[in-house]
N, C-alpha and C. Protein backbone atom coordinates (compact mmCIF):
# COMPACT_ATOMS: atom_id res chain seq x y z
N MET A 1 33.65 12.86 8.70
CA MET A 1 33.02 13.90 7.93
C MET A 1 31.81 14.43 8.69
N ASN A 2 31.74 15.73 8.84
CA ASN A 2 30.63 16.35 9.58
C ASN A 2 29.52 16.73 8.61
N THR A 3 28.37 16.12 8.81
CA THR A 3 27.20 16.51 8.03
C THR A 3 26.52 17.66 8.75
N PRO A 4 25.66 18.38 8.07
CA PRO A 4 24.96 19.48 8.74
C PRO A 4 24.15 19.02 9.95
N ILE A 5 23.56 17.84 9.87
CA ILE A 5 22.78 17.32 10.99
C ILE A 5 23.69 17.05 12.19
N THR A 6 24.84 16.46 11.95
CA THR A 6 25.79 16.17 13.03
C THR A 6 26.26 17.48 13.67
N THR A 7 26.53 18.47 12.86
CA THR A 7 26.96 19.76 13.37
C THR A 7 25.87 20.39 14.24
N LEU A 8 24.62 20.32 13.78
CA LEU A 8 23.52 20.88 14.57
C LEU A 8 23.35 20.14 15.89
N LYS A 9 23.52 18.81 15.87
CA LYS A 9 23.44 18.04 17.11
C LYS A 9 24.52 18.45 18.09
N ARG A 10 25.74 18.66 17.57
CA ARG A 10 26.84 19.06 18.45
C ARG A 10 26.58 20.45 19.05
N ILE A 11 26.06 21.36 18.25
CA ILE A 11 25.75 22.71 18.74
C ILE A 11 24.67 22.63 19.81
N PHE A 12 23.62 21.83 19.54
CA PHE A 12 22.52 21.68 20.50
C PHE A 12 23.04 21.11 21.82
N ARG A 13 23.87 20.07 21.75
CA ARG A 13 24.42 19.47 22.98
C ARG A 13 25.30 20.46 23.74
N PHE A 14 26.05 21.28 23.01
CA PHE A 14 26.89 22.30 23.63
C PHE A 14 26.04 23.25 24.49
N TYR A 15 24.92 23.73 23.93
CA TYR A 15 24.07 24.65 24.66
C TYR A 15 23.34 23.95 25.82
N VAL A 16 22.88 22.72 25.61
CA VAL A 16 22.20 21.99 26.68
C VAL A 16 23.16 21.79 27.85
N ASP A 17 24.38 21.37 27.58
CA ASP A 17 25.35 21.19 28.66
C ASP A 17 25.66 22.50 29.35
N GLY A 18 25.72 23.58 28.60
CA GLY A 18 25.98 24.89 29.19
C GLY A 18 24.86 25.33 30.11
N PHE A 19 23.61 25.10 29.69
CA PHE A 19 22.48 25.49 30.54
C PHE A 19 22.38 24.62 31.79
N ARG A 20 22.79 23.38 31.70
CA ARG A 20 22.77 22.50 32.88
C ARG A 20 23.74 22.99 33.94
N GLY A 21 24.87 23.52 33.54
CA GLY A 21 25.90 23.93 34.48
C GLY A 21 25.72 25.33 35.03
N MET A 22 24.67 26.02 34.66
CA MET A 22 24.48 27.39 35.10
C MET A 22 24.05 27.46 36.56
N THR A 23 24.50 28.53 37.22
CA THR A 23 23.98 28.82 38.55
C THR A 23 23.27 30.17 38.49
N TRP A 24 23.99 31.22 38.25
CA TRP A 24 23.40 32.55 38.12
C TRP A 24 22.74 32.74 36.76
N GLY A 25 23.16 31.96 35.80
CA GLY A 25 22.63 32.11 34.45
C GLY A 25 21.14 31.90 34.35
N ARG A 26 20.62 30.95 35.11
CA ARG A 26 19.17 30.70 35.07
C ARG A 26 18.39 31.89 35.59
N THR A 27 18.88 32.49 36.64
CA THR A 27 18.23 33.67 37.19
C THR A 27 18.27 34.81 36.18
N MET A 28 19.40 34.98 35.54
CA MET A 28 19.53 36.06 34.55
C MET A 28 18.61 35.82 33.35
N TRP A 29 18.53 34.57 32.87
CA TRP A 29 17.64 34.27 31.75
C TRP A 29 16.18 34.50 32.13
N THR A 30 15.83 34.19 33.37
CA THR A 30 14.47 34.44 33.84
C THR A 30 14.16 35.92 33.82
N ILE A 31 15.09 36.73 34.28
CA ILE A 31 14.91 38.18 34.28
C ILE A 31 14.79 38.69 32.85
N ILE A 32 15.63 38.20 31.95
CA ILE A 32 15.59 38.63 30.55
C ILE A 32 14.24 38.28 29.91
N ILE A 33 13.74 37.08 30.15
CA ILE A 33 12.46 36.67 29.57
C ILE A 33 11.32 37.51 30.12
N ILE A 34 11.34 37.79 31.42
CA ILE A 34 10.30 38.64 32.01
C ILE A 34 10.34 40.04 31.40
N LYS A 35 11.54 40.58 31.22
CA LYS A 35 11.66 41.91 30.63
C LYS A 35 11.15 41.93 29.20
N LEU A 36 11.43 40.89 28.43
CA LEU A 36 10.94 40.82 27.05
C LEU A 36 9.42 40.73 27.00
N ILE A 37 8.86 39.96 27.90
CA ILE A 37 7.39 39.86 27.95
C ILE A 37 6.79 41.23 28.26
N VAL A 38 7.39 41.93 29.21
CA VAL A 38 6.88 43.26 29.55
C VAL A 38 7.04 44.21 28.37
N MET A 39 8.21 44.21 27.76
CA MET A 39 8.47 45.15 26.67
C MET A 39 7.55 44.90 25.48
N PHE A 40 7.44 43.66 25.04
CA PHE A 40 6.69 43.39 23.82
C PHE A 40 5.22 43.09 24.06
N GLY A 41 4.87 42.64 25.23
CA GLY A 41 3.48 42.31 25.52
C GLY A 41 2.71 43.47 26.10
N VAL A 42 3.15 43.92 27.24
CA VAL A 42 2.41 44.95 27.96
C VAL A 42 2.51 46.31 27.28
N LEU A 43 3.69 46.72 26.89
CA LEU A 43 3.85 48.04 26.28
C LEU A 43 3.13 48.13 24.95
N LYS A 44 3.06 47.05 24.20
CA LYS A 44 2.36 47.06 22.93
C LYS A 44 0.88 47.36 23.13
N VAL A 45 0.32 46.79 24.15
CA VAL A 45 -1.11 46.99 24.42
C VAL A 45 -1.40 48.46 24.72
N PHE A 46 -0.54 49.12 25.48
CA PHE A 46 -0.84 50.47 25.93
C PHE A 46 -0.33 51.57 25.00
N PHE A 47 0.78 51.35 24.29
CA PHE A 47 1.39 52.43 23.54
C PHE A 47 1.33 52.28 22.02
N PHE A 48 1.13 51.09 21.52
CA PHE A 48 1.16 50.88 20.08
C PHE A 48 -0.20 50.39 19.61
N LYS A 49 -1.08 51.33 19.40
CA LYS A 49 -2.43 51.01 18.96
C LYS A 49 -2.40 50.61 17.49
N SER A 50 -3.32 49.75 17.11
CA SER A 50 -3.40 49.29 15.73
C SER A 50 -3.91 50.42 14.85
N ALA A 51 -3.20 50.67 13.75
CA ALA A 51 -3.61 51.72 12.81
C ALA A 51 -4.80 51.27 11.99
N LEU A 52 -5.08 49.98 11.97
CA LEU A 52 -6.17 49.46 11.16
C LEU A 52 -7.42 49.13 11.97
N ALA A 53 -7.39 49.41 13.26
CA ALA A 53 -8.53 49.08 14.11
C ALA A 53 -9.74 49.91 13.73
N GLY A 54 -10.90 49.26 13.67
CA GLY A 54 -12.15 49.96 13.40
C GLY A 54 -12.37 50.25 11.93
N GLN A 55 -11.60 49.67 11.05
CA GLN A 55 -11.78 49.90 9.61
C GLN A 55 -12.38 48.67 8.96
N THR A 56 -13.08 48.90 7.86
CA THR A 56 -13.61 47.78 7.10
C THR A 56 -12.47 47.16 6.29
N THR A 57 -12.75 46.03 5.69
CA THR A 57 -11.73 45.34 4.90
C THR A 57 -11.24 46.21 3.75
N GLU A 58 -12.16 46.89 3.09
CA GLU A 58 -11.76 47.76 1.98
C GLU A 58 -10.90 48.92 2.45
N GLN A 59 -11.24 49.49 3.60
CA GLN A 59 -10.46 50.60 4.14
C GLN A 59 -9.06 50.13 4.55
N LYS A 60 -8.99 48.93 5.12
CA LYS A 60 -7.70 48.37 5.50
C LYS A 60 -6.83 48.16 4.27
N GLN A 61 -7.42 47.62 3.20
CA GLN A 61 -6.67 47.40 1.97
C GLN A 61 -6.17 48.72 1.40
N GLU A 62 -7.00 49.74 1.42
CA GLU A 62 -6.60 51.05 0.91
C GLU A 62 -5.48 51.66 1.75
N THR A 63 -5.57 51.55 3.07
CA THR A 63 -4.55 52.09 3.96
C THR A 63 -3.21 51.41 3.73
N VAL A 64 -3.21 50.07 3.65
CA VAL A 64 -1.97 49.33 3.43
C VAL A 64 -1.39 49.67 2.07
N SER A 65 -2.24 49.71 1.05
CA SER A 65 -1.77 50.04 -0.30
C SER A 65 -1.17 51.44 -0.35
N ARG A 66 -1.82 52.39 0.28
CA ARG A 66 -1.33 53.77 0.29
C ARG A 66 0.03 53.87 1.01
N ASN A 67 0.18 53.15 2.12
CA ASN A 67 1.44 53.20 2.86
C ASN A 67 2.57 52.46 2.17
N LEU A 68 2.25 51.41 1.43
CA LEU A 68 3.29 50.66 0.73
C LEU A 68 3.76 51.36 -0.54
N THR A 69 2.89 52.13 -1.16
CA THR A 69 3.26 52.78 -2.43
C THR A 69 3.59 54.26 -2.25
N ARG A 70 3.73 54.71 -1.05
CA ARG A 70 4.06 56.11 -0.78
C ARG A 70 5.47 56.39 -1.28
N PRO A 71 5.69 57.50 -2.00
CA PRO A 71 7.03 57.82 -2.48
C PRO A 71 7.97 58.15 -1.32
N ILE A 72 9.21 57.81 -1.49
CA ILE A 72 10.22 58.06 -0.46
C ILE A 72 10.70 59.50 -0.59
N ALA A 73 10.75 60.22 0.53
CA ALA A 73 11.20 61.61 0.52
C ALA A 73 12.70 61.67 0.26
N PRO A 74 13.16 62.65 -0.56
CA PRO A 74 14.61 62.74 -0.85
C PRO A 74 15.43 63.20 0.31
């Protein structure tokens, strides 16, 4: 009988064994991780400024409340 814990252990071992046998896969995963860091780390700093920056706590609360309760356009 397979318990959920046993199933999770088997899945974990499957992936660990797969990563051990990789040759090109490690290089590809390294490239993917670097790209994700660039996309979410660096680009966020330069292109996605905080809408709440420079506001007091009350102003932040009002901005969030206004955006959450805004009516949806038909």
